[in-house]
Amino acid sequence: MPKILGIDLGTTNSCMAIIEAGEPRVVENAEGARTTPSVVAVNARTGERYVGMTAKRQAVTNPENTVYSVKRLMGRRFGDDSVQHDLPLLSYEVVKHSNGDAHVKMGDKTHAPPEISAMV
């Protein structure tokens, strides 16, 4: 029987679980933790991507390329009041995509919020 995977994509942390023998089991990440920070960072010089706790550590030395709380931007237009309210609070750049949606600039690329969440 195939395994069932459940994903809890949170604004702050994310978690995955599978069903084994009829019981849920939380899947540990590569660091052995049961939750992973919903944070993605990129090294602008090398293009290397970091996810989770490694990305969270980048917030100190690489704040403009460390994306967190991106779930708040999902499905939002750049001009939405909630987006405009959050802009001064974020260390990374949120830009207006050609379709009017809020996208995030990381390094030399822009990404839609669901794309960043998929990296987690």
PDB file of N, CA and C in Angstrom:
ATOM      1  N   MET A   1       0.847  -1.176   0.000  1.00  0.00           N
ATOM      2  CA  MET A   1       0.000   0.000   0.000  1.00  0.00           C
ATOM      3  C   MET A   1       0.895   1.243   0.000  1.00  0.00           C
ATOM      4  N   PRO A   2       0.567   2.249  -0.827  1.00  0.00           N
ATOM      5  CA  PRO A   2       1.384   3.465  -0.858  1.00  0.00           C
ATOM      6  C   PRO A   2       1.244   4.243   0.449  1.00  0.00           C
ATOM      7  N   LYS A   3       2.293   4.983   0.776  1.00  0.00           N
ATOM      8  CA  LYS A   3       2.266   5.801   1.990  1.00  0.00           C
ATOM      9  C   LYS A   3       1.550   7.115   1.712  1.00  0.00           C
ATOM     10  N   ILE A   4       0.932   7.631   2.730  1.00  0.00           N
ATOM     11  CA  ILE A   4       0.249   8.915   2.654  1.00  0.00           C
ATOM     12  C   ILE A   4       1.134   9.939   3.351  1.00  0.00           C
ATOM     13  N   LEU A   5       1.358  11.052   2.683  1.00  0.00           N
ATOM     14  CA  LEU A   5       2.184  12.119   3.236  1.00  0.00           C
ATOM     15  C   LEU A   5       1.311  13.334   3.506  1.00  0.00           C
ATOM     16  N   GLY A   6       1.404  13.851   4.705  1.00  0.00           N
ATOM     17  CA  GLY A   6       0.708  15.082   5.054  1.00  0.00           C
ATOM     18  C   GLY A   6       1.723  16.173   5.308  1.00  0.00           C
ATOM     19  N   ILE A   7       1.455  17.362   4.793  1.00  0.00           N
ATOM     20  CA  ILE A   7       2.368  18.486   4.966  1.00  0.00           C
ATOM     21  C   ILE A   7       1.634  19.622   5.664  1.00  0.00           C
ATOM     22  N   ASP A   8       2.206  20.095   6.745  1.00  0.00           N
ATOM     23  CA  ASP A   8       1.695  21.275   7.441  1.00  0.00           C
ATOM     24  C   ASP A   8       2.636  22.421   7.100  1.00  0.00           C
ATOM     25  N   LEU A   9       2.231  23.236   6.131  1.00  0.00           N
ATOM     26  CA  LEU A   9       3.037  24.383   5.727  1.00  0.00           C
ATOM     27  C   LEU A   9       2.646  25.560   6.604  1.00  0.00           C
ATOM     28  N   GLY A  10       3.482  25.870   7.553  1.00  0.00           N
ATOM     29  CA  GLY A  10       3.184  26.945   8.487  1.00  0.00           C
ATOM     30  C   GLY A  10       3.914  28.224   8.136  1.00  0.00           C
ATOM     31  N   THR A  11       3.426  29.323   8.663  1.00  0.00           N
ATOM     32  CA  THR A  11       4.065  30.613   8.444  1.00  0.00           C
ATOM     33  C   THR A  11       5.445  30.646   9.095  1.00  0.00           C
ATOM     34  N   THR A  12       5.576  30.031  10.257  1.00  0.00           N
ATOM     35  CA  THR A  12       6.836  30.031  10.995  1.00  0.00           C
ATOM     36  C   THR A  12       7.600  28.723  10.838  1.00  0.00           C
ATOM     37  N   ASN A  13       6.913  27.595  10.998  1.00  0.00           N
ATOM     38  CA  ASN A  13       7.526  26.272  10.883  1.00  0.00           C
ATOM     39  C   ASN A  13       6.652  25.366  10.038  1.00  0.00           C
ATOM     40  N   SER A  14       7.269  24.349   9.457  1.00  0.00           N
ATOM     41  CA  SER A  14       6.553  23.358   8.667  1.00  0.00           C
ATOM     42  C   SER A  14       6.889  21.967   9.197  1.00  0.00           C
ATOM     43  N   CYS A  15       6.013  21.023   8.875  1.00  0.00           N
ATOM     44  CA  CYS A  15       6.155  19.672   9.394  1.00  0.00           C
ATOM     45  C   CYS A  15       5.566  18.694   8.381  1.00  0.00           C
ATOM     46  N   MET A  16       6.121  17.483   8.334  1.00  0.00           N
ATOM     47  CA  MET A  16       5.578  16.439   7.465  1.00  0.00           C
ATOM     48  C   MET A  16       5.329  15.191   8.301  1.00  0.00           C
ATOM     49  N   ALA A  17       4.295  14.447   7.930  1.00  0.00           N
ATOM     50  CA  ALA A  17       3.999  13.188   8.605  1.00  0.00           C
ATOM     51  C   ALA A  17       3.525  12.176   7.571  1.00  0.00           C
ATOM     52  N   ILE A  18       3.772  10.905   7.867  1.00  0.00           N
ATOM     53  CA  ILE A  18       3.281   9.825   7.014  1.00  0.00           C
ATOM     54  C   ILE A  18       2.424   8.904   7.869  1.00  0.00           C
ATOM     55  N   ILE A  19       1.609   8.112   7.202  1.00  0.00           N
ATOM     56  CA  ILE A  19       0.812   7.104   7.891  1.00  0.00           C
ATOM     57  C   ILE A  19       1.514   5.763   7.694  1.00  0.00           C
ATOM     58  N   GLU A  20       1.882   5.138   8.789  1.00  0.00           N
ATOM     59  CA  GLU A  20       2.493   3.811   8.759  1.00  0.00           C
ATOM     60  C   GLU A  20       1.702   2.900   9.686  1.00  0.00           C
ATOM     61  N   ALA A  21       1.265   1.774   9.156  1.00  0.00           N
ATOM     62  CA  ALA A  21       0.480   0.814   9.939  1.00  0.00           C
ATOM     63  C   ALA A  21      -0.714   1.493  10.601  1.00  0.00           C
ATOM     64  N   GLY A  22      -1.320   2.430   9.866  1.00  0.00           N
ATOM     65  CA  GLY A  22      -2.513   3.103  10.350  1.00  0.00           C
ATOM     66  C   GLY A  22      -2.268   4.200  11.360  1.00  0.00           C
ATOM     67  N   GLU A  23      -1.021   4.492  11.661  1.00  0.00           N
ATOM     68  CA  GLU A  23      -0.678   5.514  12.651  1.00  0.00           C
ATOM     69  C   GLU A  23       0.163   6.614  12.014  1.00  0.00           C
ATOM     70  N   PRO A  24      -0.091   7.875  12.389  1.00  0.00           N
ATOM     71  CA  PRO A  24       0.740   8.960  11.855  1.00  0.00           C
ATOM     72  C   PRO A  24       2.125   8.958  12.514  1.00  0.00           C
ATOM     73  N   ARG A  25       3.137   9.266  11.702  1.00  0.00           N
ATOM     74  CA  ARG A  25       4.505   9.384  12.211  1.00  0.00           C
ATOM     75  C   ARG A  25       5.122  10.629  11.597  1.00  0.00           C
ATOM     76  N   VAL A  26       5.553  11.546  12.453  1.00  0.00           N
ATOM     77  CA  VAL A  26       6.191  12.772  11.979  1.00  0.00           C
ATOM     78  C   VAL A  26       7.560  12.415  11.415  1.00  0.00           C
ATOM     79  N   VAL A  27       7.855  12.954  10.241  1.00  0.00           N
ATOM     80  CA  VAL A  27       9.124  12.703   9.566  1.00  0.00           C
ATOM     81  C   VAL A  27      10.134  13.741  10.049  1.00  0.00           C
ATOM     82  N   GLU A  28      11.267  13.270  10.526  1.00  0.00           N
ATOM     83  CA  GLU A  28      12.323  14.184  10.956  1.00  0.00           C
ATOM     84  C   GLU A  28      13.051  14.736   9.739  1.00  0.00           C
ATOM     85  N   ASN A  29      13.521  15.969   9.855  1.00  0.00           N
ATOM     86  CA  ASN A  29      14.292  16.556   8.761  1.00  0.00           C
ATOM     87  C   ASN A  29      15.743  16.077   8.838  1.00  0.00           C
ATOM     88  N   ALA A  30      16.584  16.576   7.956  1.00  0.00           N
ATOM     89  CA  ALA A  30      17.983  16.141   7.891  1.00  0.00           C
ATOM     90  C   ALA A  30      18.746  16.432   9.181  1.00  0.00           C
ATOM     91  N   GLU A  31      18.265  17.394   9.966  1.00  0.00           N
ATOM     92  CA  GLU A  31      18.928  17.748  11.223  1.00  0.00           C
ATOM     93  C   GLU A  31      18.349  16.991  12.416  1.00  0.00           C
ATOM     94  N   GLY A  32      17.375  16.112  12.154  1.00  0.00           N
ATOM     95  CA  GLY A  32      16.770  15.325  13.217  1.00  0.00           C
ATOM     96  C   GLY A  32      15.627  16.005  13.939  1.00  0.00           C
ATOM     97  N   ALA A  33      15.218  17.173  13.482  1.00  0.00           N
ATOM     98  CA  ALA A  33      14.120  17.909  14.123  1.00  0.00           C
ATOM     99  C   ALA A  33      12.780  17.512  13.504  1.00  0.00           C
ATOM    100  N   ARG A  34      11.725  17.636  14.283  1.00  0.00           N
ATOM    101  CA  ARG A  34      10.387  17.280  13.807  1.00  0.00           C
ATOM    102  C   ARG A  34       9.694  18.435  13.091  1.00  0.00           C
ATOM    103  N   THR A  35      10.208  19.632  13.259  1.00  0.00           N
ATOM    104  CA  THR A  35       9.702  20.780  12.510  1.00  0.00           C
ATOM    105  C   THR A  35      10.877  21.466  11.826  1.00  0.00           C
ATOM    106  N   THR A  36      10.566  22.138  10.740  1.00  0.00           N
ATOM    107  CA  THR A  36      11.573  22.859   9.964  1.00  0.00           C
ATOM    108  C   THR A  36      11.136  24.309   9.855  1.00  0.00           C
ATOM    109  N   PRO A  37      12.002  25.255  10.187  1.00  0.00           N
ATOM    110  CA  PRO A  37      11.626  26.657   9.999  1.00  0.00           C
ATOM    111  C   PRO A  37      11.235  26.915   8.539  1.00  0.00           C
ATOM    112  N   SER A  38      10.152  27.632   8.332  1.00  0.00           N
ATOM    113  CA  SER A  38       9.681  27.967   6.977  1.00  0.00           C
ATOM    114  C   SER A  38      10.471  29.164   6.468  1.00  0.00           C
ATOM    115  N   VAL A  39      11.759  28.944   6.269  1.00  0.00           N
ATOM    116  CA  VAL A  39      12.692  29.996   5.879  1.00  0.00           C
ATOM    117  C   VAL A  39      13.539  29.487   4.723  1.00  0.00           C
ATOM    118  N   VAL A  40      13.737  30.350   3.724  1.00  0.00           N
ATOM    119  CA  VAL A  40      14.593  30.040   2.577  1.00  0.00           C
ATOM    120  C   VAL A  40      15.547  31.211   2.388  1.00  0.00           C
ATOM    121  N   ALA A  41      16.808  30.907   2.129  1.00  0.00           N
ATOM    122  CA  ALA A  41      17.806  31.952   1.871  1.00  0.00           C
ATOM    123  C   ALA A  41      18.628  31.548   0.659  1.00  0.00           C
ATOM    124  N   VAL A  42      19.218  32.540   0.026  1.00  0.00           N
ATOM    125  CA  VAL A  42      20.103  32.281  -1.104  1.00  0.00           C
ATOM    126  C   VAL A  42      21.364  33.124  -0.934  1.00  0.00           C
ATOM    127  N   ASN A  43      22.489  32.540  -1.294  1.00  0.00           N
ATOM    128  CA  ASN A  43      23.753  33.270  -1.329  1.00  0.00           C
ATOM    129  C   ASN A  43      23.791  33.983  -2.669  1.00  0.00           C
ATOM    130  N   ALA A  44      23.739  35.297  -2.668  1.00  0.00           N
ATOM    131  CA  ALA A  44      23.642  36.075  -3.907  1.00  0.00           C
ATOM    132  C   ALA A  44      24.859  35.885  -4.810  1.00  0.00           C
ATOM    133  N   ARG A  45      26.018  35.623  -4.228  1.00  0.00           N
ATOM    134  CA  ARG A  45      27.231  35.440  -5.050  1.00  0.00           C
ATOM    135  C   ARG A  45      27.279  34.073  -5.719  1.00  0.00           C
ATOM    136  N   THR A  46      26.957  33.017  -4.958  1.00  0.00           N
ATOM    137  CA  THR A  46      27.108  31.656  -5.478  1.00  0.00           C
ATOM    138  C   THR A  46      25.807  31.051  -5.978  1.00  0.00           C
ATOM    139  N   GLY A  47      24.671  31.613  -5.559  1.00  0.00           N
ATOM    140  CA  GLY A  47      23.377  31.052  -5.934  1.00  0.00           C
ATOM    141  C   GLY A  47      22.970  29.868  -5.070  1.00  0.00           C
ATOM    142  N   GLU A  48      23.810  29.500  -4.096  1.00  0.00           N
ATOM    143  CA  GLU A  48      23.492  28.372  -3.225  1.00  0.00           C
ATOM    144  C   GLU A  48      22.254  28.692  -2.395  1.00  0.00           C
ATOM    145  N   ARG A  49      21.357  27.700  -2.287  1.00  0.00           N
ATOM    146  CA  ARG A  49      20.107  27.877  -1.553  1.00  0.00           C
ATOM    147  C   ARG A  49      20.180  27.153  -0.217  1.00  0.00           C
ATOM    148  N   TYR A  50      19.621  27.781   0.809  1.00  0.00           N
ATOM    149  CA  TYR A  50      19.553  27.208   2.144  1.00  0.00           C
ATOM    150  C   TYR A  50      18.088  27.148   2.565  1.00  0.00           C
ATOM    151  N   VAL A  51      17.733  26.110   3.310  1.00  0.00           N
ATOM    152  CA  VAL A  51      16.352  25.928   3.749  1.00  0.00           C
ATOM    153  C   VAL A  51      16.348  25.548   5.225  1.00  0.00           C
ATOM    154  N   GLY A  52      15.314  25.974   5.927  1.00  0.00           N
ATOM    155  CA  GLY A  52      15.143  25.572   7.319  1.00  0.00           C
ATOM    156  C   GLY A  52      16.075  26.303   8.262  1.00  0.00           C
ATOM    157  N   MET A  53      16.643  25.553   9.207  1.00  0.00           N
ATOM    158  CA  MET A  53      17.496  26.157  10.234  1.00  0.00           C
ATOM    159  C   MET A  53      18.736  26.795   9.620  1.00  0.00           C
ATOM    160  N   THR A  54      19.298  26.177   8.590  1.00  0.00           N
ATOM    161  CA  THR A  54      20.466  26.758   7.918  1.00  0.00           C
ATOM    162  C   THR A  54      20.107  28.116   7.332  1.00  0.00           C
ATOM    163  N   ALA A  55      18.929  28.213   6.734  1.00  0.00           N
ATOM    164  CA  ALA A  55      18.472  29.489   6.170  1.00  0.00           C
ATOM    165  C   ALA A  55      18.210  30.500   7.278  1.00  0.00           C
ATOM    166  N   LYS A  56      17.623  30.041   8.360  1.00  0.00           N
ATOM    167  CA  LYS A  56      17.306  30.944   9.474  1.00  0.00           C
ATOM    168  C   LYS A  56      18.574  31.604  10.014  1.00  0.00           C
ATOM    169  N   ARG A  57      19.670  30.854  10.046  1.00  0.00           N
ATOM    170  CA  ARG A  57      20.944  31.416  10.505  1.00  0.00           C
ATOM    171  C   ARG A  57      21.446  32.513   9.565  1.00  0.00           C
ATOM    172  N   GLN A  58      21.049  32.463   8.303  1.00  0.00           N
ATOM    173  CA  GLN A  58      21.458  33.460   7.317  1.00  0.00           C
ATOM    174  C   GLN A  58      20.830  34.827   7.593  1.00  0.00           C
ATOM    175  N   ALA A  59      19.771  34.856   8.378  1.00  0.00           N
ATOM    176  CA  ALA A  59      19.059  36.110   8.642  1.00  0.00           C
ATOM    177  C   ALA A  59      19.960  37.174   9.263  1.00  0.00           C
ATOM    178  N   VAL A  60      20.996  36.756   9.962  1.00  0.00           N
ATOM    179  CA  VAL A  60      21.896  37.705  10.617  1.00  0.00           C
ATOM    180  C   VAL A  60      22.867  38.320   9.614  1.00  0.00           C
ATOM    181  N   THR A  61      23.454  37.495   8.759  1.00  0.00           N
ATOM    182  CA  THR A  61      24.503  37.962   7.846  1.00  0.00           C
ATOM    183  C   THR A  61      24.004  38.248   6.436  1.00  0.00           C
ATOM    184  N   ASN A  62      22.811  37.772   6.104  1.00  0.00           N
ATOM    185  CA  ASN A  62      22.290  37.882   4.742  1.00  0.00           C
ATOM    186  C   ASN A  62      20.787  38.186   4.772  1.00  0.00           C
ATOM    187  N   PRO A  63      20.362  39.214   5.518  1.00  0.00           N
ATOM    188  CA  PRO A  63      18.927  39.447   5.719  1.00  0.00           C
ATOM    189  C   PRO A  63      18.147  39.753   4.445  1.00  0.00           C
ATOM    190  N   GLU A  64      18.773  40.435   3.483  1.00  0.00           N
ATOM    191  CA  GLU A  64      18.046  40.813   2.270  1.00  0.00           C
ATOM    192  C   GLU A  64      17.747  39.619   1.362  1.00  0.00           C
ATOM    193  N   ASN A  65      18.408  38.491   1.586  1.00  0.00           N
ATOM    194  CA  ASN A  65      18.173  37.286   0.786  1.00  0.00           C
ATOM    195  C   ASN A  65      17.664  36.122   1.627  1.00  0.00           C
ATOM    196  N   THR A  66      17.110  36.426   2.799  1.00  0.00           N
ATOM    197  CA  THR A  66      16.538  35.417   3.680  1.00  0.00           C
ATOM    198  C   THR A  66      15.039  35.685   3.795  1.00  0.00           C
ATOM    199  N   VAL A  67      14.253  34.747   3.298  1.00  0.00           N
ATOM    200  CA  VAL A  67      12.801  34.937   3.199  1.00  0.00           C
ATOM    201  C   VAL A  67      12.094  34.102   4.264  1.00  0.00           C
ATOM    202  N   TYR A  68      11.233  34.739   5.020  1.00  0.00           N
ATOM    203  CA  TYR A  68      10.464  34.117   6.092  1.00  0.00           C
ATOM    204  C   TYR A  68       9.035  34.659   6.019  1.00  0.00           C
ATOM    205  N   SER A  69       8.105  33.987   6.638  1.00  0.00           N
ATOM    206  CA  SER A  69       6.692  34.410   6.677  1.00  0.00           C
ATOM    207  C   SER A  69       6.122  34.681   5.293  1.00  0.00           C
ATOM    208  N   VAL A  70       6.627  33.987   4.279  1.00  0.00           N
ATOM    209  CA  VAL A  70       6.176  34.235   2.907  1.00  0.00           C
ATOM    210  C   VAL A  70       4.729  33.788   2.702  1.00  0.00           C
ATOM    211  N   LYS A  71       4.250  32.919   3.573  1.00  0.00           N
ATOM    212  CA  LYS A  71       2.861  32.471   3.477  1.00  0.00           C
ATOM    213  C   LYS A  71       1.893  33.659   3.568  1.00  0.00           C
ATOM    214  N   ARG A  72       2.296  34.705   4.256  1.00  0.00           N
ATOM    215  CA  ARG A  72       1.457  35.903   4.388  1.00  0.00           C
ATOM    216  C   ARG A  72       1.248  36.606   3.049  1.00  0.00           C
ATOM    217  N   LEU A  73       2.141  36.343   2.086  1.00  0.00           N
ATOM    218  CA  LEU A  73       2.047  36.996   0.775  1.00  0.00           C
ATOM    219  C   LEU A  73       1.298  36.160  -0.258  1.00  0.00           C
ATOM    220  N   MET A  74       1.001  34.917   0.054  1.00  0.00           N
ATOM    221  CA  MET A  74       0.350  34.034  -0.924  1.00  0.00           C
ATOM    222  C   MET A  74      -1.013  34.565  -1.330  1.00  0.00           C
ATOM    223  N   GLY A  75      -1.221  34.630  -2.626  1.00  0.00           N
ATOM    224  CA  GLY A  75      -2.504  35.072  -3.154  1.00  0.00           C
ATOM    225  C   GLY A  75      -2.762  36.561  -2.998  1.00  0.00           C
ATOM    226  N   ARG A  76      -1.753  37.305  -2.630  1.00  0.00           N
ATOM    227  CA  ARG A  76      -1.920  38.744  -2.398  1.00  0.00           C
ATOM    228  C   ARG A  76      -1.401  39.558  -3.574  1.00  0.00           C
ATOM    229  N   ARG A  77      -2.071  40.648  -3.811  1.00  0.00           N
ATOM    230  CA  ARG A  77      -1.617  41.618  -4.802  1.00  0.00           C
ATOM    231  C   ARG A  77      -0.630  42.553  -4.110  1.00  0.00           C
ATOM    232  N   PHE A  78       0.315  43.058  -4.871  1.00  0.00           N
ATOM    233  CA  PHE A  78       1.328  43.941  -4.303  1.00  0.00           C
ATOM    234  C   PHE A  78       0.692  45.160  -3.635  1.00  0.00           C
ATOM    235  N   GLY A  79      -0.382  45.664  -4.205  1.00  0.00           N
ATOM    236  CA  GLY A  79      -1.035  46.857  -3.675  1.00  0.00           C
ATOM    237  C   GLY A  79      -1.967  46.616  -2.505  1.00  0.00           C
ATOM    238  N   ASP A  80      -2.189  45.357  -2.117  1.00  0.00           N
ATOM    239  CA  ASP A  80      -3.071  45.068  -0.986  1.00  0.00           C
ATOM    240  C   ASP A  80      -2.582  45.777   0.277  1.00  0.00           C
ATOM    241  N   ASP A  81      -3.532  46.245   1.072  1.00  0.00           N
ATOM    242  CA  ASP A  81      -3.182  46.937   2.316  1.00  0.00           C
ATOM    243  C   ASP A  81      -2.295  46.077   3.214  1.00  0.00           C
ATOM    244  N   SER A  82      -2.610  44.783   3.299  1.00  0.00           N
ATOM    245  CA  SER A  82      -1.826  43.910   4.183  1.00  0.00           C
ATOM    246  C   SER A  82      -0.378  43.793   3.711  1.00  0.00           C
ATOM    247  N   VAL A  83      -0.169  43.746   2.404  1.00  0.00           N
ATOM    248  CA  VAL A  83       1.192  43.671   1.859  1.00  0.00           C
ATOM    249  C   VAL A  83       1.925  44.976   2.128  1.00  0.00           C
ATOM    250  N   GLN A  84       1.270  46.087   1.854  1.00  0.00           N
ATOM    251  CA  GLN A  84       1.900  47.388   2.064  1.00  0.00           C
ATOM    252  C   GLN A  84       2.240  47.609   3.541  1.00  0.00           C
ATOM    253  N   HIS A  85       1.381  47.110   4.420  1.00  0.00           N
ATOM    254  CA  HIS A  85       1.639  47.217   5.856  1.00  0.00           C
ATOM    255  C   HIS A  85       2.890  46.433   6.255  1.00  0.00           C
ATOM    256  N   ASP A  86       3.088  45.249   5.645  1.00  0.00           N
ATOM    257  CA  ASP A  86       4.207  44.378   6.009  1.00  0.00           C
ATOM    258  C   ASP A  86       5.542  44.809   5.411  1.00  0.00           C
ATOM    259  N   LEU A  87       5.540  45.545   4.315  1.00  0.00           N
ATOM    260  CA  LEU A  87       6.787  45.886   3.615  1.00  0.00           C
ATOM    261  C   LEU A  87       7.869  46.472   4.523  1.00  0.00           C
ATOM    262  N   PRO A  88       7.561  47.458   5.369  1.00  0.00           N
ATOM    263  CA  PRO A  88       8.625  48.022   6.212  1.00  0.00           C
ATOM    264  C   PRO A  88       9.136  47.054   7.282  1.00  0.00           C
ATOM    265  N   LEU A  89       8.391  45.992   7.534  1.00  0.00           N
ATOM    266  CA  LEU A  89       8.760  45.040   8.581  1.00  0.00           C
ATOM    267  C   LEU A  89       9.642  43.907   8.067  1.00  0.00           C
ATOM    268  N   LEU A  90       9.751  43.781   6.749  1.00  0.00           N
ATOM    269  CA  LEU A  90      10.478  42.666   6.143  1.00  0.00           C
ATOM    270  C   LEU A  90      11.899  43.073   5.768  1.00  0.00           C
ATOM    271  N   SER A  91      12.838  42.170   5.949  1.00  0.00           N
ATOM    272  CA  SER A  91      14.236  42.458   5.594  1.00  0.00           C
ATOM    273  C   SER A  91      14.513  42.173   4.124  1.00  0.00           C
ATOM    274  N   TYR A  92      13.622  41.453   3.473  1.00  0.00           N
ATOM    275  CA  TYR A  92      13.784  41.126   2.057  1.00  0.00           C
ATOM    276  C   TYR A  92      12.862  42.001   1.212  1.00  0.00           C
ATOM    277  N   GLU A  93      13.143  42.048  -0.083  1.00  0.00           N
ATOM    278  CA  GLU A  93      12.406  42.933  -0.980  1.00  0.00           C
ATOM    279  C   GLU A  93      11.204  42.222  -1.597  1.00  0.00           C
ATOM    280  N   VAL A  94      10.053  42.846  -1.482  1.00  0.00           N
ATOM    281  CA  VAL A  94       8.835  42.371  -2.134  1.00  0.00           C
ATOM    282  C   VAL A  94       8.588  43.300  -3.310  1.00  0.00           C
ATOM    283  N   VAL A  95       8.369  42.709  -4.490  1.00  0.00           N
ATOM    284  CA  VAL A  95       8.210  43.499  -5.708  1.00  0.00           C
ATOM    285  C   VAL A  95       6.868  43.190  -6.361  1.00  0.00           C
ATOM    286  N   LYS A  96       6.455  44.099  -7.218  1.00  0.00           N
ATOM    287  CA  LYS A  96       5.207  43.923  -7.961  1.00  0.00           C
ATOM    288  C   LYS A  96       5.510  43.169  -9.251  1.00  0.00           C
ATOM    289  N   HIS A  97       4.902  41.991  -9.398  1.00  0.00           N
ATOM    290  CA  HIS A  97       5.051  41.203 -10.621  1.00  0.00           C
ATOM    291  C   HIS A  97       4.229  41.852 -11.728  1.00  0.00           C
ATOM    292  N   SER A  98       4.507  41.501 -12.966  1.00  0.00           N
ATOM    293  CA  SER A  98       3.779  42.094 -14.097  1.00  0.00           C
ATOM    294  C   SER A  98       2.274  41.839 -14.024  1.00  0.00           C
ATOM    295  N   ASN A  99       1.857  40.780 -13.314  1.00  0.00           N
ATOM    296  CA  ASN A  99       0.423  40.505 -13.169  1.00  0.00           C
ATOM    297  C   ASN A  99      -0.178  41.190 -11.940  1.00  0.00           C
ATOM    298  N   GLY A 100       0.637  41.962 -11.212  1.00  0.00           N
ATOM    299  CA  GLY A 100       0.158  42.695 -10.047  1.00  0.00           C
ATOM    300  C   GLY A 100       0.339  41.976  -8.724  1.00  0.00           C
ATOM    301  N   ASP A 101       0.735  40.701  -8.769  1.00  0.00           N
ATOM    302  CA  ASP A 101       0.924  39.935  -7.538  1.00  0.00           C
ATOM    303  C   ASP A 101       2.196  40.355  -6.811  1.00  0.00           C
ATOM    304  N   ALA A 102       2.223  40.079  -5.524  1.00  0.00           N
ATOM    305  CA  ALA A 102       3.424  40.307  -4.719  1.00  0.00           C
ATOM    306  C   ALA A 102       4.378  39.141  -4.931  1.00  0.00           C
ATOM    307  N   HIS A 103       5.589  39.436  -5.356  1.00  0.00           N
ATOM    308  CA  HIS A 103       6.653  38.440  -5.516  1.00  0.00           C
ATOM    309  C   HIS A 103       7.831  38.852  -4.654  1.00  0.00           C
ATOM    310  N   VAL A 104       8.752  37.938  -4.447  1.00  0.00           N
ATOM    311  CA  VAL A 104       9.898  38.189  -3.580  1.00  0.00           C
ATOM    312  C   VAL A 104      11.181  38.142  -4.390  1.00  0.00           C
ATOM    313  N   LYS A 105      12.042  39.129  -4.160  1.00  0.00           N
ATOM    314  CA  LYS A 105      13.342  39.169  -4.833  1.00  0.00           C
ATOM    315  C   LYS A 105      14.362  38.478  -3.941  1.00  0.00           C
ATOM    316  N   MET A 106      15.035  37.482  -4.511  1.00  0.00           N
ATOM    317  CA  MET A 106      16.121  36.775  -3.831  1.00  0.00           C
ATOM    318  C   MET A 106      17.288  36.717  -4.796  1.00  0.00           C
ATOM    319  N   GLY A 107      18.389  37.338  -4.435  1.00  0.00           N
ATOM    320  CA  GLY A 107      19.518  37.382  -5.365  1.00  0.00           C
ATOM    321  C   GLY A 107      19.112  38.165  -6.595  1.00  0.00           C
ATOM    322  N   ASP A 108      19.351  37.595  -7.768  1.00  0.00           N
ATOM    323  CA  ASP A 108      18.992  38.278  -9.015  1.00  0.00           C
ATOM    324  C   ASP A 108      17.697  37.746  -9.614  1.00  0.00           C
ATOM    325  N   LYS A 109      16.919  36.984  -8.848  1.00  0.00           N
ATOM    326  CA  LYS A 109      15.672  36.396  -9.347  1.00  0.00           C
ATOM    327  C   LYS A 109      14.502  36.821  -8.474  1.00  0.00           C
ATOM    328  N   THR A 110      13.312  36.775  -9.072  1.00  0.00           N
ATOM    329  CA  THR A 110      12.097  36.978  -8.290  1.00  0.00           C
ATOM    330  C   THR A 110      11.314  35.673  -8.289  1.00  0.00           C
ATOM    331  N   HIS A 111      10.619  35.436  -7.182  1.00  0.00           N
ATOM    332  CA  HIS A 111       9.879  34.195  -7.005  1.00  0.00           C
ATOM    333  C   HIS A 111       8.485  34.498  -6.473  1.00  0.00           C
ATOM    334  N   ALA A 112       7.509  33.715  -6.915  1.00  0.00           N
ATOM    335  CA  ALA A 112       6.164  33.784  -6.360  1.00  0.00           C
ATOM    336  C   ALA A 112       6.184  33.127  -4.977  1.00  0.00           C
ATOM    337  N   PRO A 113       5.365  33.591  -4.051  1.00  0.00           N
ATOM    338  CA  PRO A 113       5.340  32.991  -2.713  1.00  0.00           C
ATOM    339  C   PRO A 113       5.149  31.468  -2.708  1.00  0.00           C
ATOM    340  N   PRO A 114       4.247  30.893  -3.534  1.00  0.00           N
ATOM    341  CA  PRO A 114       4.135  29.427  -3.522  1.00  0.00           C
ATOM    342  C   PRO A 114       5.421  28.723  -3.966  1.00  0.00           C
ATOM    343  N   GLU A 115       6.164  29.353  -4.847  1.00  0.00           N
ATOM    344  CA  GLU A 115       7.434  28.781  -5.300  1.00  0.00           C
ATOM    345  C   GLU A 115       8.433  28.713  -4.141  1.00  0.00           C
ATOM    346  N   ILE A 116       8.478  29.758  -3.338  1.00  0.00           N
ATOM    347  CA  ILE A 116       9.376  29.761  -2.178  1.00  0.00           C
ATOM    348  C   ILE A 116       8.919  28.727  -1.154  1.00  0.00           C
ATOM    349  N   SER A 117       7.617  28.640  -0.927  1.00  0.00           N
ATOM    350  CA  SER A 117       7.097  27.648   0.017  1.00  0.00           C
ATOM    351  C   SER A 117       7.416  26.230  -0.437  1.00  0.00           C
ATOM    352  N   ALA A 118       7.405  25.993  -1.739  1.00  0.00           N
ATOM    353  CA  ALA A 118       7.733  24.664  -2.268  1.00  0.00           C
ATOM    354  C   ALA A 118       9.185  24.296  -1.982  1.00  0.00           C
ATOM    355  N   MET A 119      10.036  25.283  -1.793  1.00  0.00           N
ATOM    356  CA  MET A 119      11.443  25.018  -1.476  1.00  0.00           C
ATOM    357  C   MET A 119      11.598  24.466  -0.064  1.00  0.00           C
ATOM    358  N   VAL A 120      10.648  24.818   0.808  1.00  0.00           N
ATOM    359  CA  VAL A 120      10.709  24.348   2.198  1.00  0.00           C
ATOM    360  C   VAL A 120      10.432  22.862   2.211  1.00  0.00           C
TER     361      VAL A 120
END
